[in-house]
Every structure is written in C-alpha cells, then in structure tokens.
C-alpha cells in the first residue's frame, strides 16, 4: 500500500499526463473573485484549488441549476473524435465524487480504513446537515435578532 505522499505524487504525474477538462463553476452569487458564504461552494472550490486544477467561475443562478442548488459545474471534455461534449452537474458532494471517479481529483479518503471512512461520513453529515446554519448566519444580523428577542 502506498503512503499518502506517494499516492499524491503518483496522482500528480497522472494528472499532468492527461488533458484537464474545461471546468466552469457556477457559484450562484455575483462577483467571481470574492468569498462566497455558501459552505458547499467553498468546499468544492477548495478541492479544485488544492488539486491545482484551473477553472472559471461564473455567477449562475438557482433557476439555471440542474437540481435548483448551487454550486453546479459545466465540464467540457474533448473525446477521441475531437468532439466537445459539455455536461452540467450539481450538488458539491456528487460533483466531487464524480471527479474522483474520473481521476480529475484525488481520492482523499482512499487510504482510510473502514472505521475512519464511517467517522468521516459522520463528521461530514454533522457539518453539512446539522451545523450548516451556524456558518451561514451572518454576525452582522446577530445584534438585530438579539434586539428583536429582547423586545418581545
């Protein structure tokens, strides 16, 4: 079994040798170079950046998203007959899963034991499903909410 460093080096060599698809990330918010409060956009952007992949960002919209969620991506691949095939995917978890399966992103959980994978799933579910609203509540609105509660 390869160590995580050896796995990363092997993956980097593999990634350099193959053509990277053209990726457009739709973040759902105007402004392409600024932080987006969505933890799902942040998660996907972090994975793309950590892997050293180039991608474009566009604002996009929930109405244009395949599942009515941001982020979503459009991936343009060129197949053997040099035909450009674009496909759109949504849901950050499914996008990452698909990119790992295609070899576009490394499998960060590849070296984990079964028990560690279960723990990883539990922590991810806690952060994404239960604590999500703590991250997106703006500190600037907190005094307003406290004032409203105190008036009642």
N, C-alpha and C. Protein backbone atom coordinates (compact mmCIF):
# COMPACT_ATOMS: atom_id res chain seq x y z
N UNK A 1 0.84 -1.18 0.00
CA UNK A 1 0.00 0.00 0.00
C UNK A 1 0.89 1.24 0.00
N UNK A 2 0.54 2.22 -0.85
CA UNK A 2 1.31 3.45 -0.95
C UNK A 2 0.99 4.40 0.19
N UNK A 3 1.98 5.17 0.61
CA UNK A 3 1.72 6.21 1.60
C UNK A 3 0.96 7.33 0.93
N UNK A 4 0.40 8.23 1.73
CA UNK A 4 -0.38 9.33 1.15
C UNK A 4 0.49 10.24 0.30
N UNK A 5 1.77 10.41 0.66
CA UNK A 5 2.68 11.23 -0.14
C UNK A 5 2.95 10.57 -1.48
N UNK A 6 3.19 9.26 -1.47
CA UNK A 6 3.42 8.53 -2.72
C UNK A 6 2.17 8.54 -3.59
N UNK A 7 1.00 8.42 -2.96
CA UNK A 7 -0.25 8.46 -3.70
C UNK A 7 -0.43 9.82 -4.36
N UNK A 8 -0.14 10.90 -3.63
CA UNK A 8 -0.26 12.25 -4.17
C UNK A 8 0.70 12.45 -5.33
N UNK A 9 1.95 11.98 -5.20
CA UNK A 9 2.93 12.13 -6.28
C UNK A 9 2.49 11.36 -7.52
N UNK A 10 2.00 10.14 -7.31
CA UNK A 10 1.50 9.33 -8.43
C UNK A 10 0.33 10.02 -9.11
N UNK A 11 -0.58 10.55 -8.30
CA UNK A 11 -1.74 11.24 -8.86
C UNK A 11 -1.31 12.47 -9.63
N UNK A 12 -0.34 13.26 -9.12
CA UNK A 12 0.14 14.45 -9.81
C UNK A 12 0.73 14.10 -11.17
N UNK A 13 1.51 13.02 -11.23
CA UNK A 13 2.08 12.59 -12.52
C UNK A 13 0.97 12.19 -13.48
N UNK A 14 -0.03 11.48 -12.98
CA UNK A 14 -1.15 11.05 -13.81
C UNK A 14 -1.92 12.26 -14.32
N UNK A 15 -2.15 13.25 -13.45
CA UNK A 15 -2.92 14.43 -13.82
C UNK A 15 -2.20 15.25 -14.87
N UNK A 16 -0.88 15.36 -14.74
CA UNK A 16 -0.10 16.15 -15.69
C UNK A 16 -0.13 15.48 -17.06
N UNK A 17 -0.15 14.17 -17.10
CA UNK A 17 -0.08 13.46 -18.37
C UNK A 17 -1.40 13.47 -19.13
N UNK A 18 -2.51 13.74 -18.47
CA UNK A 18 -3.78 13.75 -19.17
C UNK A 18 -4.31 15.17 -19.31
N UNK A 19 -5.15 15.38 -20.31
CA UNK A 19 -5.72 16.70 -20.52
C UNK A 19 -6.80 16.94 -19.47
N UNK A 20 -6.75 18.13 -18.91
CA UNK A 20 -7.76 18.51 -17.92
C UNK A 20 -8.99 19.02 -18.65
N UNK A 21 -10.17 18.61 -18.20
CA UNK A 21 -11.38 19.16 -18.83
C UNK A 21 -11.54 20.63 -18.47
N UNK A 22 -12.26 21.36 -19.30
CA UNK A 22 -12.55 22.76 -19.01
C UNK A 22 -13.70 22.79 -18.01
N UNK A 23 -13.47 23.40 -16.85
CA UNK A 23 -14.46 23.41 -15.76
C UNK A 23 -14.93 24.84 -15.53
N UNK A 24 -16.24 25.02 -15.52
CA UNK A 24 -16.84 26.30 -15.16
C UNK A 24 -17.67 26.07 -13.91
N UNK A 25 -17.34 26.78 -12.84
CA UNK A 25 -18.02 26.65 -11.57
C UNK A 25 -19.02 27.80 -11.42
N UNK A 26 -20.28 27.46 -11.27
CA UNK A 26 -21.33 28.45 -11.07
C UNK A 26 -21.61 28.53 -9.58
N UNK A 27 -21.31 29.69 -9.00
CA UNK A 27 -21.36 29.87 -7.55
C UNK A 27 -22.68 30.42 -7.04
N UNK A 28 -23.53 30.96 -7.94
CA UNK A 28 -24.83 31.46 -7.51
C UNK A 28 -24.83 32.88 -7.00
N UNK A 29 -23.68 33.52 -7.01
CA UNK A 29 -23.56 34.87 -6.48
C UNK A 29 -22.74 35.72 -7.44
N UNK A 30 -23.06 37.00 -7.57
CA UNK A 30 -22.26 37.85 -8.46
C UNK A 30 -20.86 38.06 -7.89
N UNK A 31 -19.95 38.36 -8.77
CA UNK A 31 -18.56 38.57 -8.33
C UNK A 31 -17.80 37.27 -8.38
N UNK A 32 -16.79 37.19 -9.22
CA UNK A 32 -16.08 35.94 -9.39
C UNK A 32 -14.84 35.81 -8.52
N UNK A 33 -14.33 36.90 -7.97
CA UNK A 33 -13.10 36.80 -7.20
C UNK A 33 -13.27 37.01 -5.72
N UNK A 34 -14.51 36.99 -5.23
CA UNK A 34 -14.75 37.25 -3.82
C UNK A 34 -15.25 36.00 -3.11
N UNK A 35 -15.14 36.01 -1.79
CA UNK A 35 -15.58 34.88 -0.98
C UNK A 35 -17.10 34.72 -1.08
N UNK A 36 -17.54 33.50 -1.14
CA UNK A 36 -18.96 33.17 -1.17
C UNK A 36 -19.31 32.50 0.15
N UNK A 37 -20.38 32.91 0.78
CA UNK A 37 -20.73 32.40 2.10
C UNK A 37 -21.18 30.95 2.09
N UNK A 38 -21.54 30.41 0.94
CA UNK A 38 -22.05 29.04 0.88
C UNK A 38 -20.94 28.03 1.21
N UNK A 39 -21.13 27.21 2.22
CA UNK A 39 -20.10 26.22 2.56
C UNK A 39 -19.93 25.16 1.46
N UNK A 40 -20.97 24.94 0.66
CA UNK A 40 -20.88 23.94 -0.40
C UNK A 40 -20.04 24.46 -1.55
N UNK A 41 -20.17 25.75 -1.87
CA UNK A 41 -19.32 26.37 -2.88
C UNK A 41 -17.87 26.38 -2.38
N UNK A 42 -17.68 26.74 -1.12
CA UNK A 42 -16.35 26.79 -0.53
C UNK A 42 -15.69 25.41 -0.56
N UNK A 43 -16.46 24.38 -0.23
CA UNK A 43 -15.93 23.01 -0.23
C UNK A 43 -15.46 22.60 -1.62
N UNK A 44 -16.27 22.86 -2.63
CA UNK A 44 -15.92 22.48 -3.99
C UNK A 44 -14.73 23.29 -4.51
N UNK A 45 -14.76 24.60 -4.26
CA UNK A 45 -13.64 25.44 -4.70
C UNK A 45 -12.34 25.04 -4.03
N UNK A 46 -12.40 24.70 -2.76
CA UNK A 46 -11.20 24.27 -2.04
C UNK A 46 -10.62 23.00 -2.67
N UNK A 47 -11.47 22.04 -2.97
CA UNK A 47 -10.99 20.79 -3.58
C UNK A 47 -10.34 21.06 -4.94
N UNK A 48 -10.94 21.93 -5.74
CA UNK A 48 -10.37 22.25 -7.05
C UNK A 48 -9.03 22.97 -6.90
N UNK A 49 -8.96 23.90 -5.96
CA UNK A 49 -7.71 24.64 -5.74
C UNK A 49 -6.61 23.76 -5.17
N UNK A 50 -6.94 22.93 -4.19
CA UNK A 50 -5.94 22.06 -3.57
C UNK A 50 -5.37 21.08 -4.59
N UNK A 51 -6.17 20.68 -5.57
CA UNK A 51 -5.71 19.75 -6.60
C UNK A 51 -4.94 20.47 -7.71
N UNK A 52 -4.94 21.80 -7.67
CA UNK A 52 -4.21 22.56 -8.68
C UNK A 52 -4.92 22.62 -10.02
N UNK A 53 -6.22 22.42 -10.04
CA UNK A 53 -6.98 22.46 -11.29
C UNK A 53 -7.35 23.89 -11.64
N UNK A 54 -7.32 24.18 -12.92
CA UNK A 54 -7.77 25.51 -13.34
C UNK A 54 -9.27 25.42 -13.63
N UNK A 55 -9.98 26.49 -13.31
CA UNK A 55 -11.42 26.54 -13.54
C UNK A 55 -11.84 27.99 -13.63
N UNK A 56 -12.98 28.22 -14.27
CA UNK A 56 -13.56 29.56 -14.34
C UNK A 56 -14.72 29.63 -13.37
N UNK A 57 -14.99 30.82 -12.86
CA UNK A 57 -16.16 30.99 -12.02
C UNK A 57 -17.14 31.93 -12.72
N UNK A 58 -18.40 31.62 -12.59
CA UNK A 58 -19.49 32.44 -13.11
C UNK A 58 -20.52 32.55 -12.00
N UNK A 59 -21.39 33.54 -12.12
CA UNK A 59 -22.39 33.72 -11.07
C UNK A 59 -23.45 32.62 -11.13
N UNK A 60 -24.03 32.34 -12.29
CA UNK A 60 -25.06 31.32 -12.38
C UNK A 60 -26.29 31.70 -11.58
N UNK A 61 -27.24 30.81 -11.52
CA UNK A 61 -28.45 31.07 -10.73
C UNK A 61 -29.08 29.75 -10.32
N UNK A 62 -29.88 29.82 -9.29
CA UNK A 62 -30.57 28.63 -8.81
C UNK A 62 -31.56 28.13 -9.86
N UNK A 63 -32.16 29.05 -10.60
CA UNK A 63 -33.13 28.66 -11.65
C UNK A 63 -32.46 27.89 -12.78
N UNK A 64 -31.20 28.22 -13.06
CA UNK A 64 -30.49 27.54 -14.15
C UNK A 64 -29.82 26.24 -13.69
N UNK A 65 -29.73 26.04 -12.38
CA UNK A 65 -29.06 24.85 -11.84
C UNK A 65 -29.88 23.60 -12.12
N UNK A 66 -29.22 22.50 -12.41
CA UNK A 66 -29.94 21.25 -12.72
C UNK A 66 -30.87 20.78 -11.60
N UNK A 67 -30.46 20.93 -10.36
CA UNK A 67 -31.29 20.48 -9.23
C UNK A 67 -31.79 21.65 -8.39
N UNK A 68 -31.62 22.86 -8.90
CA UNK A 68 -32.03 24.04 -8.15
C UNK A 68 -31.12 24.35 -6.99
N UNK A 69 -29.85 23.90 -7.07
CA UNK A 69 -28.87 24.11 -6.00
C UNK A 69 -27.59 24.69 -6.57
N UNK A 70 -26.92 25.50 -5.76
CA UNK A 70 -25.56 25.91 -6.09
C UNK A 70 -24.63 25.23 -5.11
N UNK A 71 -23.45 24.90 -5.49
CA UNK A 71 -22.83 25.17 -6.78
C UNK A 71 -23.21 24.11 -7.81
N UNK A 72 -22.98 24.47 -9.05
CA UNK A 72 -23.05 23.50 -10.13
C UNK A 72 -21.93 23.80 -11.10
N UNK A 73 -21.53 22.81 -11.87
CA UNK A 73 -20.42 22.97 -12.80
C UNK A 73 -20.82 22.52 -14.19
N UNK A 74 -20.17 23.11 -15.17
CA UNK A 74 -20.22 22.63 -16.54
C UNK A 74 -18.83 22.15 -16.87
N UNK A 75 -18.74 20.91 -17.34
CA UNK A 75 -17.47 20.30 -17.68
C UNK A 75 -17.47 20.03 -19.18
N UNK A 76 -16.48 20.56 -19.87
CA UNK A 76 -16.35 20.35 -21.31
C UNK A 76 -15.18 19.42 -21.56
N UNK A 77 -15.49 18.24 -22.05
CA UNK A 77 -14.47 17.24 -22.39
C UNK A 77 -14.36 17.15 -23.90
N UNK A 78 -13.18 16.81 -24.37
CA UNK A 78 -12.99 16.52 -25.78
C UNK A 78 -12.74 15.02 -25.87
N UNK A 79 -13.61 14.33 -26.62
CA UNK A 79 -13.45 12.88 -26.71
C UNK A 79 -12.49 12.52 -27.84
N UNK A 80 -12.35 11.23 -28.15
CA UNK A 80 -11.39 10.75 -29.14
C UNK A 80 -11.63 11.34 -30.53
N UNK A 81 -12.86 11.63 -30.87
CA UNK A 81 -13.17 12.18 -32.20
C UNK A 81 -13.10 13.70 -32.20
N UNK A 82 -12.47 14.28 -31.15
CA UNK A 82 -12.29 15.73 -31.02
C UNK A 82 -13.62 16.49 -30.95
N UNK A 83 -14.66 15.83 -30.50
CA UNK A 83 -15.95 16.47 -30.32
C UNK A 83 -16.03 16.98 -28.90
N UNK A 84 -16.41 18.24 -28.75
CA UNK A 84 -16.51 18.84 -27.43
C UNK A 84 -17.85 18.46 -26.82
N UNK A 85 -17.81 17.77 -25.70
CA UNK A 85 -19.02 17.34 -25.03
C UNK A 85 -19.11 18.02 -23.67
N UNK A 86 -20.12 18.87 -23.52
CA UNK A 86 -20.31 19.58 -22.25
C UNK A 86 -21.41 18.90 -21.46
N UNK A 87 -21.19 18.81 -20.15
CA UNK A 87 -22.23 18.27 -19.28
C UNK A 87 -22.28 19.13 -18.02
N UNK A 88 -23.45 19.20 -17.43
CA UNK A 88 -23.65 20.02 -16.24
C UNK A 88 -23.99 19.10 -15.08
N UNK A 89 -23.35 19.35 -13.94
CA UNK A 89 -23.59 18.56 -12.74
C UNK A 89 -23.84 19.50 -11.58
N UNK A 90 -24.64 19.05 -10.62
CA UNK A 90 -24.88 19.87 -9.43
C UNK A 90 -24.69 19.03 -8.18
N UNK A 91 -24.73 19.68 -7.03
CA UNK A 91 -24.52 19.09 -5.71
C UNK A 91 -23.03 18.85 -5.50
N UNK A 92 -22.43 19.64 -4.63
CA UNK A 92 -20.98 19.61 -4.44
C UNK A 92 -20.46 18.21 -4.12
N UNK A 93 -21.17 17.47 -3.31
CA UNK A 93 -20.73 16.12 -2.97
C UNK A 93 -20.72 15.20 -4.18
N UNK A 94 -21.75 15.28 -5.02
CA UNK A 94 -21.81 14.45 -6.22
C UNK A 94 -20.78 14.87 -7.26
N UNK A 95 -20.53 16.17 -7.34
CA UNK A 95 -19.51 16.66 -8.28
C UNK A 95 -18.14 16.13 -7.88
N UNK A 96 -17.81 16.24 -6.59
CA UNK A 96 -16.52 15.74 -6.10
C UNK A 96 -16.42 14.24 -6.32
N UNK A 97 -17.49 13.51 -6.01
CA UNK A 97 -17.50 12.05 -6.19
C UNK A 97 -17.26 11.68 -7.65
N UNK A 98 -17.89 12.39 -8.57
CA UNK A 98 -17.74 12.13 -10.00
C UNK A 98 -16.31 12.47 -10.46
N UNK A 99 -15.76 13.60 -9.99
CA UNK A 99 -14.40 13.97 -10.35
C UNK A 99 -13.38 12.97 -9.82
N UNK A 100 -13.61 12.42 -8.64
CA UNK A 100 -12.70 11.39 -8.09
C UNK A 100 -12.78 10.13 -8.94
N UNK A 101 -14.00 9.73 -9.30
CA UNK A 101 -14.19 8.51 -10.11
C UNK A 101 -13.52 8.65 -11.48
N UNK A 102 -13.55 9.87 -12.06
CA UNK A 102 -12.96 10.10 -13.37
C UNK A 102 -11.45 10.36 -13.30
N UNK A 103 -10.90 10.52 -12.09
CA UNK A 103 -9.48 10.77 -11.93
C UNK A 103 -9.11 12.24 -12.06
N UNK A 104 -10.10 13.12 -12.07
CA UNK A 104 -9.83 14.55 -12.13
C UNK A 104 -9.34 15.05 -10.78
N UNK A 105 -9.91 14.54 -9.70
CA UNK A 105 -9.49 14.88 -8.33
C UNK A 105 -8.95 13.63 -7.65
N UNK A 106 -8.01 13.80 -6.73
CA UNK A 106 -7.51 12.64 -5.98
C UNK A 106 -8.53 12.19 -4.95
N UNK A 107 -8.48 10.91 -4.61
CA UNK A 107 -9.36 10.36 -3.58
C UNK A 107 -8.69 10.58 -2.23
N UNK A 108 -9.16 11.60 -1.51
CA UNK A 108 -8.55 11.92 -0.22
C UNK A 108 -8.83 10.85 0.83
N UNK A 109 -9.87 10.06 0.64
CA UNK A 109 -10.22 9.03 1.61
C UNK A 109 -9.74 7.65 1.18
N UNK A 110 -8.96 7.58 0.15
CA UNK A 110 -8.50 6.29 -0.37
C UNK A 110 -7.69 5.48 0.61
N UNK A 111 -6.92 6.13 1.46
CA UNK A 111 -6.05 5.43 2.41
C UNK A 111 -6.72 5.17 3.76
N UNK A 112 -7.97 5.58 3.92
CA UNK A 112 -8.65 5.41 5.21
C UNK A 112 -9.13 3.98 5.40
N UNK A 113 -9.16 3.55 6.66
CA UNK A 113 -9.74 2.25 6.99
C UNK A 113 -11.26 2.37 6.96
N UNK A 114 -11.95 1.27 7.03
CA UNK A 114 -13.41 1.30 7.04
C UNK A 114 -13.97 2.12 8.19
N UNK A 115 -13.38 1.97 9.36
CA UNK A 115 -13.83 2.72 10.53
C UNK A 115 -13.60 4.22 10.34
N UNK A 116 -12.46 4.59 9.77
CA UNK A 116 -12.17 6.00 9.53
C UNK A 116 -13.12 6.60 8.49
N UNK A 117 -13.51 5.80 7.50
CA UNK A 117 -14.45 6.28 6.48
C UNK A 117 -15.83 6.54 7.09
N UNK A 118 -16.24 5.68 8.03
CA UNK A 118 -17.51 5.89 8.72
C UNK A 118 -17.45 7.16 9.56
N UNK A 119 -16.35 7.35 10.27
CA UNK A 119 -16.17 8.56 11.07
C UNK A 119 -16.19 9.80 10.17
N UNK A 120 -15.53 9.73 9.03
CA UNK A 120 -15.51 10.84 8.06
C UNK A 120 -16.92 11.16 7.59
N UNK A 121 -17.70 10.14 7.29
CA UNK A 121 -19.09 10.36 6.85
C UNK A 121 -19.92 11.03 7.94
N UNK A 122 -19.70 10.60 9.19
CA UNK A 122 -20.45 11.19 10.30
C UNK A 122 -20.10 12.66 10.53
N UNK A 123 -18.81 12.97 10.47
CA UNK A 123 -18.39 14.36 10.66
C UNK A 123 -18.91 15.23 9.51
N UNK A 124 -18.83 14.70 8.28
CA UNK A 124 -19.32 15.46 7.13
C UNK A 124 -20.82 15.70 7.24
N UNK A 125 -21.58 14.69 7.65
CA UNK A 125 -23.03 14.85 7.81
C UNK A 125 -23.33 15.88 8.90
N UNK A 126 -22.59 15.83 9.99
CA UNK A 126 -22.80 16.80 11.06
C UNK A 126 -22.56 18.22 10.57
N UNK A 127 -21.44 18.43 9.87
CA UNK A 127 -21.09 19.77 9.41
C UNK A 127 -22.03 20.27 8.32
N UNK A 128 -22.38 19.40 7.37
CA UNK A 128 -23.17 19.85 6.23
C UNK A 128 -24.67 19.87 6.49
N UNK A 129 -25.16 18.99 7.33
CA UNK A 129 -26.60 18.90 7.53
C UNK A 129 -27.08 19.55 8.82
N UNK A 130 -26.31 19.46 9.88
CA UNK A 130 -26.77 19.95 11.18
C UNK A 130 -26.21 21.31 11.56
N UNK A 131 -24.93 21.56 11.26
CA UNK A 131 -24.31 22.81 11.67
C UNK A 131 -24.21 23.83 10.54
N UNK A 132 -24.79 23.52 9.43
CA UNK A 132 -24.75 24.39 8.25
C UNK A 132 -25.26 25.78 8.55
N UNK A 133 -26.36 25.89 9.28
CA UNK A 133 -26.98 27.19 9.52
C UNK A 133 -26.17 28.06 10.47
N UNK A 134 -25.31 27.47 11.28
CA UNK A 134 -24.44 28.27 12.14
C UNK A 134 -23.40 29.02 11.32
N UNK A 135 -22.95 28.40 10.23
CA UNK A 135 -21.95 29.04 9.39
C UNK A 135 -22.54 30.16 8.55
N UNK A 136 -23.75 29.98 8.06
CA UNK A 136 -24.31 30.96 7.14
C UNK A 136 -25.02 32.11 7.84
N UNK A 137 -25.27 31.99 9.13
CA UNK A 137 -25.89 33.12 9.82
C UNK A 137 -24.84 34.20 9.98
N UNK A 138 -25.15 35.37 9.50
CA UNK A 138 -24.19 36.47 9.46
C UNK A 138 -24.04 37.11 10.84
N UNK A 139 -22.81 37.35 11.27
CA UNK A 139 -22.60 38.03 12.55
C UNK A 139 -23.22 39.43 12.56
N UNK A 140 -23.35 40.04 11.38
CA UNK A 140 -23.92 41.38 11.33
C UNK A 140 -25.41 41.38 11.63
N UNK A 141 -26.08 40.23 11.46
CA UNK A 141 -27.51 40.17 11.76
C UNK A 141 -27.77 39.72 13.20
N UNK A 142 -26.76 39.23 13.89
CA UNK A 142 -26.94 38.75 15.26
C UNK A 142 -27.47 39.83 16.20
N UNK A 143 -26.92 41.05 16.21
CA UNK A 143 -27.47 42.08 17.11
C UNK A 143 -28.93 42.40 16.80
N UNK A 144 -29.30 42.36 15.53
CA UNK A 144 -30.70 42.63 15.16
C UNK A 144 -31.61 41.56 15.74
N UNK A 145 -31.21 40.30 15.63
CA UNK A 145 -32.01 39.19 16.18
C UNK A 145 -32.09 39.29 17.70
N UNK A 146 -30.97 39.62 18.35
CA UNK A 146 -30.98 39.75 19.80
C UNK A 146 -31.89 40.88 20.24
N UNK A 147 -31.88 41.98 19.51
CA UNK A 147 -32.74 43.12 19.83
C UNK A 147 -34.20 42.75 19.66
N UNK A 148 -34.53 41.98 18.61
CA UNK A 148 -35.90 41.55 18.38
C UNK A 148 -36.36 40.65 19.52
N UNK A 149 -35.51 39.76 19.97
CA UNK A 149 -35.87 38.83 21.05
C UNK A 149 -36.07 39.61 22.35
N UNK A 150 -35.19 40.57 22.63
CA UNK A 150 -35.30 41.35 23.86
C UNK A 150 -36.55 42.22 23.89
N UNK A 151 -37.07 42.64 22.73
CA UNK A 151 -38.27 43.47 22.69
C UNK A 151 -39.53 42.68 22.99
N UNK A 152 -39.50 41.37 22.78
CA UNK A 152 -40.70 40.54 22.98
C UNK A 152 -40.97 40.28 24.39
